[in-house]
PDBML (XML) file of the C-alpha atoms, coordinates in Angstrom:
<?xml version="1.0" encoding="UTF-8" ?>
<PDBx:datablock datablockName="MODEL"
   xmlns:PDBx="http://pdbml.pdb.org/schema/pdbx-v50.xsd"
   xmlns:xsi="http://www.w3.org/2001/XMLSchema-instance"
   xsi:schemaLocation="http://pdbml.pdb.org/schema/pdbx-v50.xsd pdbx-v50.xsd">
   <PDBx:atom_siteCategory>
      <PDBx:atom_site id="1">
         <PDBx:B_iso_or_equiv>0.00</PDBx:B_iso_or_equiv>
         <PDBx:Cartn_x>-19.618</PDBx:Cartn_x>
         <PDBx:Cartn_y>28.208</PDBx:Cartn_y>
         <PDBx:Cartn_z>3.832</PDBx:Cartn_z>
         <PDBx:auth_asym_id>A</PDBx:auth_asym_id>
         <PDBx:auth_atom_id>CA</PDBx:auth_atom_id>
         <PDBx:auth_comp_id>PRO</PDBx:auth_comp_id>
         <PDBx:auth_seq_id>1</PDBx:auth_seq_id>
         <PDBx:group_PDB>ATOM</PDBx:group_PDB>
         <PDBx:label_alt_id xsi:nil="true" />
         <PDBx:label_asym_id>A</PDBx:label_asym_id>
         <PDBx:label_atom_id>CA</PDBx:label_atom_id>
         <PDBx:label_comp_id>PRO</PDBx:label_comp_id>
         <PDBx:label_entity_id>1</PDBx:label_entity_id>
         <PDBx:label_seq_id>1</PDBx:label_seq_id>
         <PDBx:occupancy>1.00</PDBx:occupancy>
         <PDBx:pdbx_PDB_model_num>1</PDBx:pdbx_PDB_model_num>
         <PDBx:type_symbol>C</PDBx:type_symbol>
      </PDBx:atom_site>
      <PDBx:atom_site id="2">
         <PDBx:B_iso_or_equiv>0.00</PDBx:B_iso_or_equiv>
         <PDBx:Cartn_x>-16.168</PDBx:Cartn_x>
         <PDBx:Cartn_y>29.957</PDBx:Cartn_y>
         <PDBx:Cartn_z>4.850</PDBx:Cartn_z>
         <PDBx:auth_asym_id>A</PDBx:auth_asym_id>
         <PDBx:auth_atom_id>CA</PDBx:auth_atom_id>
         <PDBx:auth_comp_id>LYS</PDBx:auth_comp_id>
         <PDBx:auth_seq_id>2</PDBx:auth_seq_id>
         <PDBx:group_PDB>ATOM</PDBx:group_PDB>
         <PDBx:label_alt_id xsi:nil="true" />
         <PDBx:label_asym_id>A</PDBx:label_asym_id>
         <PDBx:label_atom_id>CA</PDBx:label_atom_id>
         <PDBx:label_comp_id>LYS</PDBx:label_comp_id>
         <PDBx:label_entity_id>1</PDBx:label_entity_id>
         <PDBx:label_seq_id>2</PDBx:label_seq_id>
         <PDBx:occupancy>1.00</PDBx:occupancy>
         <PDBx:pdbx_PDB_model_num>1</PDBx:pdbx_PDB_model_num>
         <PDBx:type_symbol>C</PDBx:type_symbol>
      </PDBx:atom_site>
      <PDBx:atom_site id="3">
         <PDBx:B_iso_or_equiv>0.00</PDBx:B_iso_or_equiv>
         <PDBx:Cartn_x>-12.886</PDBx:Cartn_x>
         <PDBx:Cartn_y>29.526</PDBx:Cartn_y>
         <PDBx:Cartn_z>3.765</PDBx:Cartn_z>
         <PDBx:auth_asym_id>A</PDBx:auth_asym_id>
         <PDBx:auth_atom_id>CA</PDBx:auth_atom_id>
         <PDBx:auth_comp_id>ARG</PDBx:auth_comp_id>
         <PDBx:auth_seq_id>3</PDBx:auth_seq_id>
         <PDBx:group_PDB>ATOM</PDBx:group_PDB>
         <PDBx:label_alt_id xsi:nil="true" />
         <PDBx:label_asym_id>A</PDBx:label_asym_id>
         <PDBx:label_atom_id>CA</PDBx:label_atom_id>
         <PDBx:label_comp_id>ARG</PDBx:label_comp_id>
         <PDBx:label_entity_id>1</PDBx:label_entity_id>
         <PDBx:label_seq_id>3</PDBx:label_seq_id>
         <PDBx:occupancy>1.00</PDBx:occupancy>
         <PDBx:pdbx_PDB_model_num>1</PDBx:pdbx_PDB_model_num>
         <PDBx:type_symbol>C</PDBx:type_symbol>
      </PDBx:atom_site>
      <PDBx:atom_site id="4">
         <PDBx:B_iso_or_equiv>0.00</PDBx:B_iso_or_equiv>
         <PDBx:Cartn_x>-10.961</PDBx:Cartn_x>
         <PDBx:Cartn_y>27.086</PDBx:Cartn_y>
         <PDBx:Cartn_z>6.429</PDBx:Cartn_z>
         <PDBx:auth_asym_id>A</PDBx:auth_asym_id>
         <PDBx:auth_atom_id>CA</PDBx:auth_atom_id>
         <PDBx:auth_comp_id>PRO</PDBx:auth_comp_id>
         <PDBx:auth_seq_id>4</PDBx:auth_seq_id>
         <PDBx:group_PDB>ATOM</PDBx:group_PDB>
         <PDBx:label_alt_id xsi:nil="true" />
         <PDBx:label_asym_id>A</PDBx:label_asym_id>
         <PDBx:label_atom_id>CA</PDBx:label_atom_id>
         <PDBx:label_comp_id>PRO</PDBx:label_comp_id>
         <PDBx:label_entity_id>1</PDBx:label_entity_id>
         <PDBx:label_seq_id>4</PDBx:label_seq_id>
         <PDBx:occupancy>1.00</PDBx:occupancy>
         <PDBx:pdbx_PDB_model_num>1</PDBx:pdbx_PDB_model_num>
         <PDBx:type_symbol>C</PDBx:type_symbol>
      </PDBx:atom_site>
      <PDBx:atom_site id="5">
         <PDBx:B_iso_or_equiv>0.00</PDBx:B_iso_or_equiv>
         <PDBx:Cartn_x>-7.970</PDBx:Cartn_x>
         <PDBx:Cartn_y>27.956</PDBx:Cartn_y>
         <PDBx:Cartn_z>7.945</PDBx:Cartn_z>
         <PDBx:auth_asym_id>A</PDBx:auth_asym_id>
         <PDBx:auth_atom_id>CA</PDBx:auth_atom_id>
         <PDBx:auth_comp_id>ARG</PDBx:auth_comp_id>
         <PDBx:auth_seq_id>5</PDBx:auth_seq_id>
         <PDBx:group_PDB>ATOM</PDBx:group_PDB>
         <PDBx:label_alt_id xsi:nil="true" />
         <PDBx:label_asym_id>A</PDBx:label_asym_id>
         <PDBx:label_atom_id>CA</PDBx:label_atom_id>
         <PDBx:label_comp_id>ARG</PDBx:label_comp_id>
         <PDBx:label_entity_id>1</PDBx:label_entity_id>
         <PDBx:label_seq_id>5</PDBx:label_seq_id>
         <PDBx:occupancy>1.00</PDBx:occupancy>
         <PDBx:pdbx_PDB_model_num>1</PDBx:pdbx_PDB_model_num>
         <PDBx:type_symbol>C</PDBx:type_symbol>
      </PDBx:atom_site>
      <PDBx:atom_site id="6">
         <PDBx:B_iso_or_equiv>0.00</PDBx:B_iso_or_equiv>
         <PDBx:Cartn_x>-6.865</PDBx:Cartn_x>
         <PDBx:Cartn_y>24.773</PDBx:Cartn_y>
         <PDBx:Cartn_z>9.147</PDBx:Cartn_z>
         <PDBx:auth_asym_id>A</PDBx:auth_asym_id>
         <PDBx:auth_atom_id>CA</PDBx:auth_atom_id>
         <PDBx:auth_comp_id>GLU</PDBx:auth_comp_id>
         <PDBx:auth_seq_id>6</PDBx:auth_seq_id>
         <PDBx:group_PDB>ATOM</PDBx:group_PDB>
         <PDBx:label_alt_id xsi:nil="true" />
         <PDBx:label_asym_id>A</PDBx:label_asym_id>
         <PDBx:label_atom_id>CA</PDBx:label_atom_id>
         <PDBx:label_comp_id>GLU</PDBx:label_comp_id>
         <PDBx:label_entity_id>1</PDBx:label_entity_id>
         <PDBx:label_seq_id>6</PDBx:label_seq_id>
         <PDBx:occupancy>1.00</PDBx:occupancy>
         <PDBx:pdbx_PDB_model_num>1</PDBx:pdbx_PDB_model_num>
         <PDBx:type_symbol>C</PDBx:type_symbol>
      </PDBx:atom_site>
      <PDBx:atom_site id="7">
         <PDBx:B_iso_or_equiv>0.00</PDBx:B_iso_or_equiv>
         <PDBx:Cartn_x>-4.312</PDBx:Cartn_x>
         <PDBx:Cartn_y>23.175</PDBx:Cartn_y>
         <PDBx:Cartn_z>7.187</PDBx:Cartn_z>
         <PDBx:auth_asym_id>A</PDBx:auth_asym_id>
         <PDBx:auth_atom_id>CA</PDBx:auth_atom_id>
         <PDBx:auth_comp_id>VAL</PDBx:auth_comp_id>
         <PDBx:auth_seq_id>7</PDBx:auth_seq_id>
         <PDBx:group_PDB>ATOM</PDBx:group_PDB>
         <PDBx:label_alt_id xsi:nil="true" />
         <PDBx:label_asym_id>A</PDBx:label_asym_id>
         <PDBx:label_atom_id>CA</PDBx:label_atom_id>
         <PDBx:label_comp_id>VAL</PDBx:label_comp_id>
         <PDBx:label_entity_id>1</PDBx:label_entity_id>
         <PDBx:label_seq_id>7</PDBx:label_seq_id>
         <PDBx:occupancy>1.00</PDBx:occupancy>
         <PDBx:pdbx_PDB_model_num>1</PDBx:pdbx_PDB_model_num>
         <PDBx:type_symbol>C</PDBx:type_symbol>
      </PDBx:atom_site>
      <PDBx:atom_site id="8">
         <PDBx:B_iso_or_equiv>0.00</PDBx:B_iso_or_equiv>
         <PDBx:Cartn_x>-5.876</PDBx:Cartn_x>
         <PDBx:Cartn_y>19.705</PDBx:Cartn_y>
         <PDBx:Cartn_z>7.046</PDBx:Cartn_z>
         <PDBx:auth_asym_id>A</PDBx:auth_asym_id>
         <PDBx:auth_atom_id>CA</PDBx:auth_atom_id>
         <PDBx:auth_comp_id>ALA</PDBx:auth_comp_id>
         <PDBx:auth_seq_id>8</PDBx:auth_seq_id>
         <PDBx:group_PDB>ATOM</PDBx:group_PDB>
         <PDBx:label_alt_id xsi:nil="true" />
         <PDBx:label_asym_id>A</PDBx:label_asym_id>
         <PDBx:label_atom_id>CA</PDBx:label_atom_id>
         <PDBx:label_comp_id>ALA</PDBx:label_comp_id>
         <PDBx:label_entity_id>1</PDBx:label_entity_id>
         <PDBx:label_seq_id>8</PDBx:label_seq_id>
         <PDBx:occupancy>1.00</PDBx:occupancy>
         <PDBx:pdbx_PDB_model_num>1</PDBx:pdbx_PDB_model_num>
         <PDBx:type_symbol>C</PDBx:type_symbol>
      </PDBx:atom_site>
      <PDBx:atom_site id="9">
         <PDBx:B_iso_or_equiv>0.00</PDBx:B_iso_or_equiv>
         <PDBx:Cartn_x>-9.353</PDBx:Cartn_x>
         <PDBx:Cartn_y>20.778</PDBx:Cartn_y>
         <PDBx:Cartn_z>5.726</PDBx:Cartn_z>
         <PDBx:auth_asym_id>A</PDBx:auth_asym_id>
         <PDBx:auth_atom_id>CA</PDBx:auth_atom_id>
         <PDBx:auth_comp_id>GLU</PDBx:auth_comp_id>
         <PDBx:auth_seq_id>9</PDBx:auth_seq_id>
         <PDBx:group_PDB>ATOM</PDBx:group_PDB>
         <PDBx:label_alt_id xsi:nil="true" />
         <PDBx:label_asym_id>A</PDBx:label_asym_id>
         <PDBx:label_atom_id>CA</PDBx:label_atom_id>
         <PDBx:label_comp_id>GLU</PDBx:label_comp_id>
         <PDBx:label_entity_id>1</PDBx:label_entity_id>
         <PDBx:label_seq_id>9</PDBx:label_seq_id>
         <PDBx:occupancy>1.00</PDBx:occupancy>
         <PDBx:pdbx_PDB_model_num>1</PDBx:pdbx_PDB_model_num>
         <PDBx:type_symbol>C</PDBx:type_symbol>
      </PDBx:atom_site>
      <PDBx:atom_site id="10">
         <PDBx:B_iso_or_equiv>0.00</PDBx:B_iso_or_equiv>
         <PDBx:Cartn_x>-7.352</PDBx:Cartn_x>
         <PDBx:Cartn_y>24.026</PDBx:Cartn_y>
         <PDBx:Cartn_z>3.092</PDBx:Cartn_z>
         <PDBx:auth_asym_id>A</PDBx:auth_asym_id>
         <PDBx:auth_atom_id>CA</PDBx:auth_atom_id>
         <PDBx:auth_comp_id>LEU</PDBx:auth_comp_id>
         <PDBx:auth_seq_id>10</PDBx:auth_seq_id>
         <PDBx:group_PDB>ATOM</PDBx:group_PDB>
         <PDBx:label_alt_id xsi:nil="true" />
         <PDBx:label_asym_id>A</PDBx:label_asym_id>
         <PDBx:label_atom_id>CA</PDBx:label_atom_id>
         <PDBx:label_comp_id>LEU</PDBx:label_comp_id>
         <PDBx:label_entity_id>1</PDBx:label_entity_id>
         <PDBx:label_seq_id>10</PDBx:label_seq_id>
         <PDBx:occupancy>1.00</PDBx:occupancy>
         <PDBx:pdbx_PDB_model_num>1</PDBx:pdbx_PDB_model_num>
         <PDBx:type_symbol>C</PDBx:type_symbol>
      </PDBx:atom_site>
      <PDBx:atom_site id="11">
         <PDBx:B_iso_or_equiv>0.00</PDBx:B_iso_or_equiv>
         <PDBx:Cartn_x>-6.240</PDBx:Cartn_x>
         <PDBx:Cartn_y>19.771</PDBx:Cartn_y>
         <PDBx:Cartn_z>1.869</PDBx:Cartn_z>
         <PDBx:auth_asym_id>A</PDBx:auth_asym_id>
         <PDBx:auth_atom_id>CA</PDBx:auth_atom_id>
         <PDBx:auth_comp_id>GLN</PDBx:auth_comp_id>
         <PDBx:auth_seq_id>11</PDBx:auth_seq_id>
         <PDBx:group_PDB>ATOM</PDBx:group_PDB>
         <PDBx:label_alt_id xsi:nil="true" />
         <PDBx:label_asym_id>A</PDBx:label_asym_id>
         <PDBx:label_atom_id>CA</PDBx:label_atom_id>
         <PDBx:label_comp_id>GLN</PDBx:label_comp_id>
         <PDBx:label_entity_id>1</PDBx:label_entity_id>
         <PDBx:label_seq_id>11</PDBx:label_seq_id>
         <PDBx:occupancy>1.00</PDBx:occupancy>
         <PDBx:pdbx_PDB_model_num>1</PDBx:pdbx_PDB_model_num>
         <PDBx:type_symbol>C</PDBx:type_symbol>
      </PDBx:atom_site>
      <PDBx:atom_site id="12">
         <PDBx:B_iso_or_equiv>0.00</PDBx:B_iso_or_equiv>
         <PDBx:Cartn_x>-9.314</PDBx:Cartn_x>
         <PDBx:Cartn_y>18.253</PDBx:Cartn_y>
         <PDBx:Cartn_z>2.101</PDBx:Cartn_z>
         <PDBx:auth_asym_id>A</PDBx:auth_asym_id>
         <PDBx:auth_atom_id>CA</PDBx:auth_atom_id>
         <PDBx:auth_comp_id>ALA</PDBx:auth_comp_id>
         <PDBx:auth_seq_id>12</PDBx:auth_seq_id>
         <PDBx:group_PDB>ATOM</PDBx:group_PDB>
         <PDBx:label_alt_id xsi:nil="true" />
         <PDBx:label_asym_id>A</PDBx:label_asym_id>
         <PDBx:label_atom_id>CA</PDBx:label_atom_id>
         <PDBx:label_comp_id>ALA</PDBx:label_comp_id>
         <PDBx:label_entity_id>1</PDBx:label_entity_id>
         <PDBx:label_seq_id>12</PDBx:label_seq_id>
         <PDBx:occupancy>1.00</PDBx:occupancy>
         <PDBx:pdbx_PDB_model_num>1</PDBx:pdbx_PDB_model_num>
         <PDBx:type_symbol>C</PDBx:type_symbol>
      </PDBx:atom_site>
      <PDBx:atom_site id="13">
         <PDBx:B_iso_or_equiv>0.00</PDBx:B_iso_or_equiv>
         <PDBx:Cartn_x>-11.022</PDBx:Cartn_x>
         <PDBx:Cartn_y>20.737</PDBx:Cartn_y>
         <PDBx:Cartn_z>0.187</PDBx:Cartn_z>
         <PDBx:auth_asym_id>A</PDBx:auth_asym_id>
         <PDBx:auth_atom_id>CA</PDBx:auth_atom_id>
         <PDBx:auth_comp_id>ALA</PDBx:auth_comp_id>
         <PDBx:auth_seq_id>13</PDBx:auth_seq_id>
         <PDBx:group_PDB>ATOM</PDBx:group_PDB>
         <PDBx:label_alt_id xsi:nil="true" />
         <PDBx:label_asym_id>A</PDBx:label_asym_id>
         <PDBx:label_atom_id>CA</PDBx:label_atom_id>
         <PDBx:label_comp_id>ALA</PDBx:label_comp_id>
         <PDBx:label_entity_id>1</PDBx:label_entity_id>
         <PDBx:label_seq_id>13</PDBx:label_seq_id>
         <PDBx:occupancy>1.00</PDBx:occupancy>
         <PDBx:pdbx_PDB_model_num>1</PDBx:pdbx_PDB_model_num>
         <PDBx:type_symbol>C</PDBx:type_symbol>
      </PDBx:atom_site>
      <PDBx:atom_site id="14">
         <PDBx:B_iso_or_equiv>0.00</PDBx:B_iso_or_equiv>
         <PDBx:Cartn_x>-8.482</PDBx:Cartn_x>
         <PDBx:Cartn_y>20.570</PDBx:Cartn_y>
         <PDBx:Cartn_z>-2.037</PDBx:Cartn_z>
         <PDBx:auth_asym_id>A</PDBx:auth_asym_id>
         <PDBx:auth_atom_id>CA</PDBx:auth_atom_id>
         <PDBx:auth_comp_id>ALA</PDBx:auth_comp_id>
         <PDBx:auth_seq_id>14</PDBx:auth_seq_id>
         <PDBx:group_PDB>ATOM</PDBx:group_PDB>
         <PDBx:label_alt_id xsi:nil="true" />
         <PDBx:label_asym_id>A</PDBx:label_asym_id>
         <PDBx:label_atom_id>CA</PDBx:label_atom_id>
         <PDBx:label_comp_id>ALA</PDBx:label_comp_id>
         <PDBx:label_entity_id>1</PDBx:label_entity_id>
         <PDBx:label_seq_id>14</PDBx:label_seq_id>
         <PDBx:occupancy>1.00</PDBx:occupancy>
         <PDBx:pdbx_PDB_model_num>1</PDBx:pdbx_PDB_model_num>
         <PDBx:type_symbol>C</PDBx:type_symbol>
      </PDBx:atom_site>
      <PDBx:atom_site id="15">
         <PDBx:B_iso_or_equiv>0.00</PDBx:B_iso_or_equiv>
         <PDBx:Cartn_x>-8.928</PDBx:Cartn_x>
         <PDBx:Cartn_y>16.866</PDBx:Cartn_y>
         <PDBx:Cartn_z>-2.656</PDBx:Cartn_z>
         <PDBx:auth_asym_id>A</PDBx:auth_asym_id>
         <PDBx:auth_atom_id>CA</PDBx:auth_atom_id>
         <PDBx:auth_comp_id>ALA</PDBx:auth_comp_id>
         <PDBx:auth_seq_id>15</PDBx:auth_seq_id>
         <PDBx:group_PDB>ATOM</PDBx:group_PDB>
         <PDBx:label_alt_id xsi:nil="true" />
         <PDBx:label_asym_id>A</PDBx:label_asym_id>
         <PDBx:label_atom_id>CA</PDBx:label_atom_id>
         <PDBx:label_comp_id>ALA</PDBx:label_comp_id>
         <PDBx:label_entity_id>1</PDBx:label_entity_id>
         <PDBx:label_seq_id>15</PDBx:label_seq_id>
         <PDBx:occupancy>1.00</PDBx:occupancy>
         <PDBx:pdbx_PDB_model_num>1</PDBx:pdbx_PDB_model_num>
         <PDBx:type_symbol>C</PDBx:type_symbol>
      </PDBx:atom_site>
      <PDBx:atom_site id="16">
         <PDBx:B_iso_or_equiv>0.00</PDBx:B_iso_or_equiv>
         <PDBx:Cartn_x>-12.255</PDBx:Cartn_x>
         <PDBx:Cartn_y>17.578</PDBx:Cartn_y>
         <PDBx:Cartn_z>-3.143</PDBx:Cartn_z>
         <PDBx:auth_asym_id>A</PDBx:auth_asym_id>
         <PDBx:auth_atom_id>CA</PDBx:auth_atom_id>
         <PDBx:auth_comp_id>VAL</PDBx:auth_comp_id>
         <PDBx:auth_seq_id>16</PDBx:auth_seq_id>
         <PDBx:group_PDB>ATOM</PDBx:group_PDB>
         <PDBx:label_alt_id xsi:nil="true" />
         <PDBx:label_asym_id>A</PDBx:label_asym_id>
         <PDBx:label_atom_id>CA</PDBx:label_atom_id>
         <PDBx:label_comp_id>VAL</PDBx:label_comp_id>
         <PDBx:label_entity_id>1</PDBx:label_entity_id>
         <PDBx:label_seq_id>16</PDBx:label_seq_id>
         <PDBx:occupancy>1.00</PDBx:occupancy>
         <PDBx:pdbx_PDB_model_num>1</PDBx:pdbx_PDB_model_num>
         <PDBx:type_symbol>C</PDBx:type_symbol>
      </PDBx:atom_site>
      <PDBx:atom_site id="17">
         <PDBx:B_iso_or_equiv>0.00</PDBx:B_iso_or_equiv>
         <PDBx:Cartn_x>-12.250</PDBx:Cartn_x>
         <PDBx:Cartn_y>19.921</PDBx:Cartn_y>
         <PDBx:Cartn_z>-5.359</PDBx:Cartn_z>
         <PDBx:auth_asym_id>A</PDBx:auth_asym_id>
         <PDBx:auth_atom_id>CA</PDBx:auth_atom_id>
         <PDBx:auth_comp_id>GLY</PDBx:auth_comp_id>
         <PDBx:auth_seq_id>17</PDBx:auth_seq_id>
         <PDBx:group_PDB>ATOM</PDBx:group_PDB>
         <PDBx:label_alt_id xsi:nil="true" />
         <PDBx:label_asym_id>A</PDBx:label_asym_id>
         <PDBx:label_atom_id>CA</PDBx:label_atom_id>
         <PDBx:label_comp_id>GLY</PDBx:label_comp_id>
         <PDBx:label_entity_id>1</PDBx:label_entity_id>
         <PDBx:label_seq_id>17</PDBx:label_seq_id>
         <PDBx:occupancy>1.00</PDBx:occupancy>
         <PDBx:pdbx_PDB_model_num>1</PDBx:pdbx_PDB_model_num>
         <PDBx:type_symbol>C</PDBx:type_symbol>
      </PDBx:atom_site>
      <PDBx:atom_site id="18">
         <PDBx:B_iso_or_equiv>0.00</PDBx:B_iso_or_equiv>
         <PDBx:Cartn_x>-9.623</PDBx:Cartn_x>
         <PDBx:Cartn_y>19.456</PDBx:Cartn_y>
         <PDBx:Cartn_z>-8.005</PDBx:Cartn_z>
         <PDBx:auth_asym_id>A</PDBx:auth_asym_id>
         <PDBx:auth_atom_id>CA</PDBx:auth_atom_id>
         <PDBx:auth_comp_id>GLN</PDBx:auth_comp_id>
         <PDBx:auth_seq_id>18</PDBx:auth_seq_id>
         <PDBx:group_PDB>ATOM</PDBx:group_PDB>
         <PDBx:label_alt_id xsi:nil="true" />
         <PDBx:label_asym_id>A</PDBx:label_asym_id>
         <PDBx:label_atom_id>CA</PDBx:label_atom_id>
         <PDBx:label_comp_id>GLN</PDBx:label_comp_id>
         <PDBx:label_entity_id>1</PDBx:label_entity_id>
         <PDBx:label_seq_id>18</PDBx:label_seq_id>
         <PDBx:occupancy>1.00</PDBx:occupancy>
         <PDBx:pdbx_PDB_model_num>1</PDBx:pdbx_PDB_model_num>
         <PDBx:type_symbol>C</PDBx:type_symbol>
      </PDBx:atom_site>
      <PDBx:atom_site id="19">
         <PDBx:B_iso_or_equiv>0.00</PDBx:B_iso_or_equiv>
         <PDBx:Cartn_x>-11.851</PDBx:Cartn_x>
         <PDBx:Cartn_y>16.337</PDBx:Cartn_y>
         <PDBx:Cartn_z>-9.199</PDBx:Cartn_z>
         <PDBx:auth_asym_id>A</PDBx:auth_asym_id>
         <PDBx:auth_atom_id>CA</PDBx:auth_atom_id>
         <PDBx:auth_comp_id>MET</PDBx:auth_comp_id>
         <PDBx:auth_seq_id>19</PDBx:auth_seq_id>
         <PDBx:group_PDB>ATOM</PDBx:group_PDB>
         <PDBx:label_alt_id xsi:nil="true" />
         <PDBx:label_asym_id>A</PDBx:label_asym_id>
         <PDBx:label_atom_id>CA</PDBx:label_atom_id>
         <PDBx:label_comp_id>MET</PDBx:label_comp_id>
         <PDBx:label_entity_id>1</PDBx:label_entity_id>
         <PDBx:label_seq_id>19</PDBx:label_seq_id>
         <PDBx:occupancy>1.00</PDBx:occupancy>
         <PDBx:pdbx_PDB_model_num>1</PDBx:pdbx_PDB_model_num>
         <PDBx:type_symbol>C</PDBx:type_symbol>
      </PDBx:atom_site>
      <PDBx:atom_site id="20">
         <PDBx:B_iso_or_equiv>0.00</PDBx:B_iso_or_equiv>
         <PDBx:Cartn_x>-14.470</PDBx:Cartn_x>
         <PDBx:Cartn_y>18.277</PDBx:Cartn_y>
         <PDBx:Cartn_z>-10.435</PDBx:Cartn_z>
         <PDBx:auth_asym_id>A</PDBx:auth_asym_id>
         <PDBx:auth_atom_id>CA</PDBx:auth_atom_id>
         <PDBx:auth_comp_id>GLY</PDBx:auth_comp_id>
         <PDBx:auth_seq_id>20</PDBx:auth_seq_id>
         <PDBx:group_PDB>ATOM</PDBx:group_PDB>
         <PDBx:label_alt_id xsi:nil="true" />
         <PDBx:label_asym_id>A</PDBx:label_asym_id>
         <PDBx:label_atom_id>CA</PDBx:label_atom_id>
         <PDBx:label_comp_id>GLY</PDBx:label_comp_id>
         <PDBx:label_entity_id>1</PDBx:label_entity_id>
         <PDBx:label_seq_id>20</PDBx:label_seq_id>
         <PDBx:occupancy>1.00</PDBx:occupancy>
         <PDBx:pdbx_PDB_model_num>1</PDBx:pdbx_PDB_model_num>
         <PDBx:type_symbol>C</PDBx:type_symbol>
      </PDBx:atom_site>
      <PDBx:atom_site id="21">
         <PDBx:B_iso_or_equiv>0.00</PDBx:B_iso_or_equiv>
         <PDBx:Cartn_x>-12.092</PDBx:Cartn_x>
         <PDBx:Cartn_y>21.043</PDBx:Cartn_y>
         <PDBx:Cartn_z>-11.906</PDBx:Cartn_z>
         <PDBx:auth_asym_id>A</PDBx:auth_asym_id>
         <PDBx:auth_atom_id>CA</PDBx:auth_atom_id>
         <PDBx:auth_comp_id>LEU</PDBx:auth_comp_id>
         <PDBx:auth_seq_id>21</PDBx:auth_seq_id>
         <PDBx:group_PDB>ATOM</PDBx:group_PDB>
         <PDBx:label_alt_id xsi:nil="true" />
         <PDBx:label_asym_id>A</PDBx:label_asym_id>
         <PDBx:label_atom_id>CA</PDBx:label_atom_id>
         <PDBx:label_comp_id>LEU</PDBx:label_comp_id>
         <PDBx:label_entity_id>1</PDBx:label_entity_id>
         <PDBx:label_seq_id>21</PDBx:label_seq_id>
         <PDBx:occupancy>1.00</PDBx:occupancy>
         <PDBx:pdbx_PDB_model_num>1</PDBx:pdbx_PDB_model_num>
         <PDBx:type_symbol>C</PDBx:type_symbol>
      </PDBx:atom_site>
      <PDBx:atom_site id="22">
         <PDBx:B_iso_or_equiv>0.00</PDBx:B_iso_or_equiv>
         <PDBx:Cartn_x>-9.636</PDBx:Cartn_x>
         <PDBx:Cartn_y>19.262</PDBx:Cartn_y>
         <PDBx:Cartn_z>-13.815</PDBx:Cartn_z>
         <PDBx:auth_asym_id>A</PDBx:auth_asym_id>
         <PDBx:auth_atom_id>CA</PDBx:auth_atom_id>
         <PDBx:auth_comp_id>ALA</PDBx:auth_comp_id>
         <PDBx:auth_seq_id>22</PDBx:auth_seq_id>
         <PDBx:group_PDB>ATOM</PDBx:group_PDB>
         <PDBx:label_alt_id xsi:nil="true" />
         <PDBx:label_asym_id>A</PDBx:label_asym_id>
         <PDBx:label_atom_id>CA</PDBx:label_atom_id>
         <PDBx:label_comp_id>ALA</PDBx:label_comp_id>
         <PDBx:label_entity_id>1</PDBx:label_entity_id>
         <PDBx:label_seq_id>22</PDBx:label_seq_id>
         <PDBx:occupancy>1.00</PDBx:occupancy>
         <PDBx:pdbx_PDB_model_num>1</PDBx:pdbx_PDB_model_num>
         <PDBx:type_symbol>C</PDBx:type_symbol>
      </PDBx:atom_site>
      <PDBx:atom_site id="23">
         <PDBx:B_iso_or_equiv>0.00</PDBx:B_iso_or_equiv>
         <PDBx:Cartn_x>-13.019</PDBx:Cartn_x>
         <PDBx:Cartn_y>17.231</PDBx:Cartn_y>
         <PDBx:Cartn_z>-15.334</PDBx:Cartn_z>
         <PDBx:auth_asym_id>A</PDBx:auth_asym_id>
         <PDBx:auth_atom_id>CA</PDBx:auth_atom_id>
         <PDBx:auth_comp_id>GLN</PDBx:auth_comp_id>
         <PDBx:auth_seq_id>23</PDBx:auth_seq_id>
         <PDBx:group_PDB>ATOM</PDBx:group_PDB>
         <PDBx:label_alt_id xsi:nil="true" />
         <PDBx:label_asym_id>A</PDBx:label_asym_id>
         <PDBx:label_atom_id>CA</PDBx:label_atom_id>
         <PDBx:label_comp_id>GLN</PDBx:label_comp_id>
         <PDBx:label_entity_id>1</PDBx:label_entity_id>
         <PDBx:label_seq_id>23</PDBx:label_seq_id>
         <PDBx:occupancy>1.00</PDBx:occupancy>
         <PDBx:pdbx_PDB_model_num>1</PDBx:pdbx_PDB_model_num>
         <PDBx:type_symbol>C</PDBx:type_symbol>
      </PDBx:atom_site>
      <PDBx:atom_site id="24">
         <PDBx:B_iso_or_equiv>0.00</PDBx:B_iso_or_equiv>
         <PDBx:Cartn_x>-14.901</PDBx:Cartn_x>
         <PDBx:Cartn_y>20.750</PDBx:Cartn_y>
         <PDBx:Cartn_z>-16.101</PDBx:Cartn_z>
         <PDBx:auth_asym_id>A</PDBx:auth_asym_id>
         <PDBx:auth_atom_id>CA</PDBx:auth_atom_id>
         <PDBx:auth_comp_id>MET</PDBx:auth_comp_id>
         <PDBx:auth_seq_id>24</PDBx:auth_seq_id>
         <PDBx:group_PDB>ATOM</PDBx:group_PDB>
         <PDBx:label_alt_id xsi:nil="true" />
         <PDBx:label_asym_id>A</PDBx:label_asym_id>
         <PDBx:label_atom_id>CA</PDBx:label_atom_id>
         <PDBx:label_comp_id>MET</PDBx:label_comp_id>
         <PDBx:label_entity_id>1</PDBx:label_entity_id>
         <PDBx:label_seq_id>24</PDBx:label_seq_id>
         <PDBx:occupancy>1.00</PDBx:occupancy>
         <PDBx:pdbx_PDB_model_num>1</PDBx:pdbx_PDB_model_num>
         <PDBx:type_symbol>C</PDBx:type_symbol>
      </PDBx:atom_site>
   </PDBx:atom_siteCategory>
</PDBx:datablock>
């Protein structure tokens, strides 16, 4: 629900979200 602060978590979120973003 909230944007994480840890860099590793931000990177993980980006990796997951990039798939859907590019496809859309």
